[in-house]
């Protein structure tokens, strides 16, 4: 331990995901002197183009969108003081069921073993003490989020590392309040209708199943600014509509479920590095 810093590795699907779910912990732990490594799996080419043009519409250039989103990702990392940004550069697969799911080079179409082998190399290089990614449903069912989960868990099996492993989540108690604030801010938000959701898993977890609640209130402004750096996707980032103060009030605690641990740290915990320092 003495010859290397404590290290957090966050594995995310697209540019802007790092800010939404883990912007607070990336900023907080960087400020505490912990090395932060962000792995972004796709190039974000299925995001909005200039002027809000959508994928598949005239004027949407996936290569140009990917270039813009890389610049925005680098700006976000500057804000969050991310120590190392690693890009796997798979093609953004788009939403579940889109034709882009099956295009050559798409992340969703990449064999898990291939992605896992590349990520395992990064894990061996950085030797993270904490790894954060999504749950089996990718938090909300996006194919690239699901694939990020799969390659992360498979990569860990390929190494001799024993980091604490976390999946991002949200407390269900906060989801109603979240919707209210977004509607107040003018966002077109409707809570998912269980009758229409079918077999889709519910988003988030009951409060009692959340193991880890990290207070990142002091870094709410930085998290907001990191999201704002992804200006090309502003139409989709509802959080920006509420202003920095309300945003920090709503998003000032980041929550996780701990799925692997060798420290024996008691849960619930308020620090991803509990038991490591």
Protein backbone atom coordinates (compact mmCIF):
# COMPACT_ATOMS: atom_id res chain seq x y z
CA UNK A 1 0.00 0.00 0.00
CA UNK A 2 2.83 2.39 0.80
CA UNK A 3 4.14 2.41 -2.77
CA UNK A 4 0.87 3.38 -4.41
CA UNK A 5 -2.06 5.66 -3.61
CA UNK A 6 -5.50 4.48 -2.64
CA UNK A 7 -7.37 4.22 -5.94
CA UNK A 8 -11.01 4.46 -7.03
CA UNK A 9 -11.95 3.11 -10.47
CA UNK A 10 -15.36 3.99 -11.91
CA UNK A 11 -16.49 2.08 -15.02
CA UNK A 12 -19.14 3.96 -17.00
CA UNK A 13 -20.88 3.48 -20.32
CA UNK A 14 -20.99 6.94 -21.94
CA UNK A 15 -19.59 10.44 -21.65
CA UNK A 16 -21.74 12.23 -18.99
CA UNK A 17 -22.51 9.06 -16.98
CA UNK A 18 -19.47 9.77 -14.80
CA UNK A 19 -21.03 13.02 -13.63
CA UNK A 20 -24.60 11.81 -13.14
CA UNK A 21 -24.01 8.86 -10.84
CA UNK A 22 -20.53 9.35 -9.43
CA UNK A 23 -19.59 13.01 -9.94
CA UNK A 24 -19.78 13.60 -6.21
CA UNK A 25 -17.56 10.71 -5.15
CA UNK A 26 -15.04 11.37 -7.92
CA UNK A 27 -14.72 14.99 -6.80
CA UNK A 28 -14.74 14.21 -3.08
CA UNK A 29 -12.15 11.47 -3.19
CA UNK A 30 -9.89 13.43 -5.54
CA UNK A 31 -9.97 16.25 -2.97
CA UNK A 32 -8.99 13.74 -0.28
CA UNK A 33 -5.88 12.74 -2.25
CA UNK A 34 -7.24 9.47 -3.60
CA UNK A 35 -6.32 8.58 -7.18
CA UNK A 36 -9.45 8.48 -9.36
CA UNK A 37 -9.59 6.47 -12.57
CA UNK A 38 -12.52 6.81 -14.96
CA UNK A 39 -13.06 4.15 -17.62
CA UNK A 40 -15.57 5.25 -20.27
CA UNK A 41 -16.61 2.33 -22.46
CA UNK A 42 -18.29 4.00 -25.46
CA UNK A 43 -17.82 7.07 -27.64
CA UNK A 44 -21.33 8.48 -27.11
CA UNK A 45 -22.06 8.69 -30.85
CA UNK A 46 -25.76 8.02 -30.28
CA UNK A 47 -26.15 11.24 -28.35
CA UNK A 48 -27.67 14.45 -29.69
CA UNK A 49 -25.86 16.33 -32.43
CA UNK A 50 -25.53 20.13 -32.74
CA UNK A 51 -28.90 21.84 -32.40
CA UNK A 52 -30.35 18.80 -30.65
CA UNK A 53 -30.55 16.69 -33.81
CA UNK A 54 -31.32 13.10 -32.87
CA UNK A 55 -29.62 9.90 -34.06
CA UNK A 56 -31.00 8.84 -37.42
CA UNK A 57 -32.24 12.31 -38.29
CA UNK A 58 -30.79 14.31 -41.19
CA UNK A 59 -27.65 16.12 -40.11
CA UNK A 60 -26.72 13.71 -37.32
CA UNK A 61 -23.07 12.75 -37.86
CA UNK A 62 -22.13 10.02 -35.36
CA UNK A 63 -18.38 10.56 -35.81
CA UNK A 64 -18.69 14.30 -35.22
CA UNK A 65 -20.92 13.72 -32.18
CA UNK A 66 -18.36 11.32 -30.74
CA UNK A 67 -15.60 13.94 -31.19
CA UNK A 68 -17.65 16.62 -29.43
CA UNK A 69 -18.53 14.28 -26.59
CA UNK A 70 -14.89 13.32 -26.05
CA UNK A 71 -14.02 16.99 -25.60
CA UNK A 72 -16.91 17.39 -23.17
CA UNK A 73 -15.82 14.31 -21.24
CA UNK A 74 -12.31 15.69 -20.90
CA UNK A 75 -13.76 18.99 -19.63
CA UNK A 76 -15.91 17.14 -17.09
CA UNK A 77 -12.86 15.23 -15.86
CA UNK A 78 -11.04 18.54 -15.38
CA UNK A 79 -13.88 19.80 -13.20
CA UNK A 80 -13.97 16.59 -11.14
CA UNK A 81 -10.15 16.40 -10.94
CA UNK A 82 -10.15 12.85 -12.31
CA UNK A 83 -6.58 11.58 -12.19
CA UNK A 84 -6.74 9.25 -15.21
CA UNK A 85 -9.27 8.92 -18.03
CA UNK A 86 -9.22 5.64 -19.97
CA UNK A 87 -11.31 5.28 -23.14
CA UNK A 88 -12.32 1.86 -24.47
CA UNK A 89 -13.90 3.61 -27.48
CA UNK A 90 -16.54 1.07 -28.38
CA UNK A 91 -19.36 2.45 -30.52
CA UNK A 92 -22.34 3.68 -28.50
CA UNK A 93 -25.08 1.07 -28.93
CA UNK A 94 -28.04 3.42 -28.50
CA UNK A 95 -31.17 2.47 -26.58
CA UNK A 96 -32.37 -1.13 -26.34
CA UNK A 97 -33.86 -2.28 -29.62
CA UNK A 98 -32.22 0.34 -31.84
CA UNK A 99 -30.57 -0.84 -35.06
CA UNK A 100 -27.29 0.54 -33.68
CA UNK A 101 -27.29 -2.32 -31.13
CA UNK A 102 -26.14 -4.61 -33.94
CA UNK A 103 -23.77 -2.34 -35.83
CA UNK A 104 -20.13 -3.46 -36.15
CA UNK A 105 -18.07 -2.28 -33.19
CA UNK A 106 -21.07 -1.59 -30.96
CA UNK A 107 -20.41 -2.16 -27.28
CA UNK A 108 -23.57 -4.26 -26.90
CA UNK A 109 -22.40 -6.56 -29.71
CA UNK A 110 -18.88 -6.95 -28.32
CA UNK A 111 -18.18 -10.31 -26.65
CA UNK A 112 -18.04 -9.84 -22.88
CA UNK A 113 -14.76 -11.74 -22.77
CA UNK A 114 -13.13 -9.24 -25.13
CA UNK A 115 -14.22 -6.18 -23.16
CA UNK A 116 -13.38 -7.88 -19.88
CA UNK A 117 -9.84 -8.70 -21.02
CA UNK A 118 -9.18 -5.07 -21.92
CA UNK A 119 -10.62 -3.82 -18.64
CA UNK A 120 -8.69 -6.43 -16.65
CA UNK A 121 -5.47 -5.01 -18.11
CA UNK A 122 -6.41 -1.57 -16.78
CA UNK A 123 -7.28 -3.07 -13.39
CA UNK A 124 -3.90 -4.79 -13.20
CA UNK A 125 -2.20 -1.51 -14.09
CA UNK A 126 -4.04 0.71 -11.60
CA UNK A 127 -4.80 -1.94 -8.93
CA UNK A 128 -7.95 -0.18 -7.66
CA UNK A 129 -8.98 -0.50 -4.03
CA UNK A 130 -12.58 0.37 -4.92
CA UNK A 131 -14.43 -0.36 -8.18
CA UNK A 132 -17.79 1.20 -9.01
CA UNK A 133 -20.12 0.28 -11.88
CA UNK A 134 -23.82 -0.46 -12.51
CA UNK A 135 -26.05 -3.34 -11.39
CA UNK A 136 -27.17 -6.22 -13.65
CA UNK A 137 -29.90 -4.05 -15.19
CA UNK A 138 -27.51 -1.18 -15.88
CA UNK A 139 -29.57 0.86 -13.38
CA UNK A 140 -32.33 1.50 -15.95
CA UNK A 141 -31.95 -1.08 -18.71
CA UNK A 142 -29.64 0.66 -21.17
CA UNK A 143 -27.68 -1.98 -23.13
CA UNK A 144 -24.34 -0.20 -22.73
CA UNK A 145 -24.85 0.09 -18.97
CA UNK A 146 -25.69 -3.60 -18.77
CA UNK A 147 -22.58 -4.40 -20.82
CA UNK A 148 -20.41 -2.19 -18.58
CA UNK A 149 -21.66 -4.19 -15.60
CA UNK A 150 -20.92 -7.47 -17.34
CA UNK A 151 -17.38 -6.65 -18.42
CA UNK A 152 -16.54 -5.17 -15.00
CA UNK A 153 -17.62 -8.23 -13.07
CA UNK A 154 -15.92 -10.53 -15.61
CA UNK A 155 -12.71 -8.47 -15.54
CA UNK A 156 -12.50 -8.78 -11.77
CA UNK A 157 -12.60 -12.57 -12.15
CA UNK A 158 -9.58 -12.38 -14.47
CA UNK A 159 -7.40 -10.62 -11.90
CA UNK A 160 -6.01 -11.45 -8.48
CA UNK A 161 -7.38 -8.19 -7.09
CA UNK A 162 -9.80 -7.99 -4.19
CA UNK A 163 -11.20 -4.45 -4.25
CA UNK A 164 -14.39 -3.37 -2.61
CA UNK A 165 -16.96 -3.47 -5.44
CA UNK A 166 -20.04 -1.27 -5.61
CA UNK A 167 -23.02 -0.85 -7.89
CA UNK A 168 -24.65 2.55 -8.23
CA UNK A 169 -28.24 2.77 -7.05
CA UNK A 170 -30.89 5.17 -5.79
CA UNK A 171 -33.16 5.01 -2.74
CA UNK A 172 -36.76 4.42 -3.80
CA UNK A 173 -37.84 6.79 -1.03
CA UNK A 174 -36.21 9.61 -3.01
CA UNK A 175 -37.70 8.79 -6.41
CA UNK A 176 -41.04 10.55 -5.81
CA UNK A 177 -39.31 13.67 -4.51
CA UNK A 178 -36.95 13.51 -7.46
CA UNK A 179 -39.87 13.56 -9.88
CA UNK A 180 -41.53 16.46 -8.06
CA UNK A 181 -38.41 18.60 -8.24
CA UNK A 182 -37.89 17.84 -11.92
CA UNK A 183 -41.48 18.79 -12.72
CA UNK A 184 -41.06 22.01 -10.72
CA UNK A 185 -38.02 22.74 -12.87
CA UNK A 186 -40.09 22.28 -16.01
CA UNK A 187 -38.85 18.84 -17.00
CA UNK A 188 -41.28 16.45 -18.67
CA UNK A 189 -40.93 13.72 -16.05
CA UNK A 190 -43.41 11.00 -15.27
CA UNK A 191 -42.71 8.26 -12.75
CA UNK A 192 -42.68 4.82 -14.40
CA UNK A 193 -46.07 3.12 -14.38
CA UNK A 194 -45.68 -0.37 -12.89
CA UNK A 195 -48.51 -1.62 -15.09
CA UNK A 196 -46.63 -0.51 -18.20
CA UNK A 197 -43.21 -1.55 -16.97
CA UNK A 198 -43.94 -5.26 -17.49
CA UNK A 199 -40.90 -7.29 -16.61
CA UNK A 200 -38.58 -4.28 -16.31
CA UNK A 201 -36.94 -4.21 -12.88
CA UNK A 202 -37.81 -1.26 -10.68
CA UNK A 203 -35.19 1.49 -10.59
CA UNK A 204 -33.21 1.76 -7.37
CA UNK A 205 -33.53 -0.15 -4.13
CA UNK A 206 -35.51 0.02 -0.89
CA UNK A 207 -33.60 2.21 1.55
CA UNK A 208 -32.77 -0.70 3.85
CA UNK A 209 -30.96 -2.54 1.04
CA UNK A 210 -28.62 0.35 0.28
CA UNK A 211 -25.31 -0.31 2.00
CA UNK A 212 -23.46 2.92 1.35
CA UNK A 213 -24.55 6.56 1.59
CA UNK A 214 -21.77 9.02 0.71
CA UNK A 215 -22.30 12.70 1.54
CA UNK A 216 -21.02 14.73 -1.40
CA UNK A 217 -22.93 17.93 -0.63
CA UNK A 218 -19.71 19.96 -0.48
CA UNK A 219 -19.05 18.96 -4.09
CA UNK A 220 -22.56 19.51 -5.44
CA UNK A 221 -21.49 22.60 -7.37
CA UNK A 222 -18.61 20.73 -8.96
CA UNK A 223 -20.90 17.83 -9.92
CA UNK A 224 -23.35 20.31 -11.48
CA UNK A 225 -20.53 21.96 -13.45
CA UNK A 226 -19.28 18.56 -14.64
CA UNK A 227 -22.75 17.77 -15.99
CA UNK A 228 -22.95 21.21 -17.56
CA UNK A 229 -19.70 20.46 -19.39
CA UNK A 230 -21.73 17.98 -21.46
CA UNK A 231 -23.54 20.88 -23.11
CA UNK A 232 -24.37 19.03 -26.33
CA UNK A 233 -26.66 16.73 -24.31
CA UNK A 234 -28.25 19.54 -22.31
CA UNK A 235 -31.74 18.76 -23.58
CA UNK A 236 -31.50 15.33 -21.95
CA UNK A 237 -29.84 16.39 -18.70
CA UNK A 238 -32.92 17.41 -16.73
CA UNK A 239 -30.88 18.00 -13.59
CA UNK A 240 -29.43 21.20 -15.04
CA UNK A 241 -32.90 22.76 -15.20
CA UNK A 242 -33.18 22.99 -11.42
CA UNK A 243 -30.18 25.26 -10.78
CA UNK A 244 -27.11 24.54 -8.69
CA UNK A 245 -28.66 25.00 -5.24
CA UNK A 246 -31.66 22.72 -5.81
CA UNK A 247 -29.46 20.26 -7.64
CA UNK A 248 -27.12 19.98 -4.66
CA UNK A 249 -30.08 19.61 -2.30
CA UNK A 250 -31.45 16.72 -4.34
CA UNK A 251 -28.19 15.10 -5.49
CA UNK A 252 -25.94 15.73 -2.50
CA UNK A 253 -25.78 12.10 -1.36
CA UNK A 254 -24.64 9.33 -3.70
CA UNK A 255 -25.81 5.82 -2.88
CA UNK A 256 -24.38 2.39 -3.65
CA UNK A 257 -24.81 -1.26 -2.85
CA UNK A 258 -21.62 -3.06 -1.81
CA UNK A 259 -21.33 -6.43 -3.54
CA UNK A 260 -17.74 -7.48 -2.81
CA UNK A 261 -15.68 -6.74 0.29
CA UNK A 262 -12.75 -8.20 2.17
CA UNK A 263 -12.40 -5.45 4.79
CA UNK A 264 -15.29 -6.46 7.03
CA UNK A 265 -16.35 -2.81 7.34
CA UNK A 266 -19.79 -2.56 8.92
CA UNK A 267 -22.77 -1.53 6.82
CA UNK A 268 -24.48 0.79 6.37
CA UNK A 269 -21.35 2.83 5.72
CA UNK A 270 -20.75 6.44 4.65
CA UNK A 271 -17.41 5.98 2.88
CA UNK A 272 -16.46 3.80 -0.10
CA UNK A 273 -13.03 3.47 1.52
CA UNK A 274 -14.29 2.37 4.94
CA UNK A 275 -11.95 -0.34 6.21
CA UNK A 276 -9.17 0.73 3.84
CA UNK A 277 -7.81 3.73 5.71
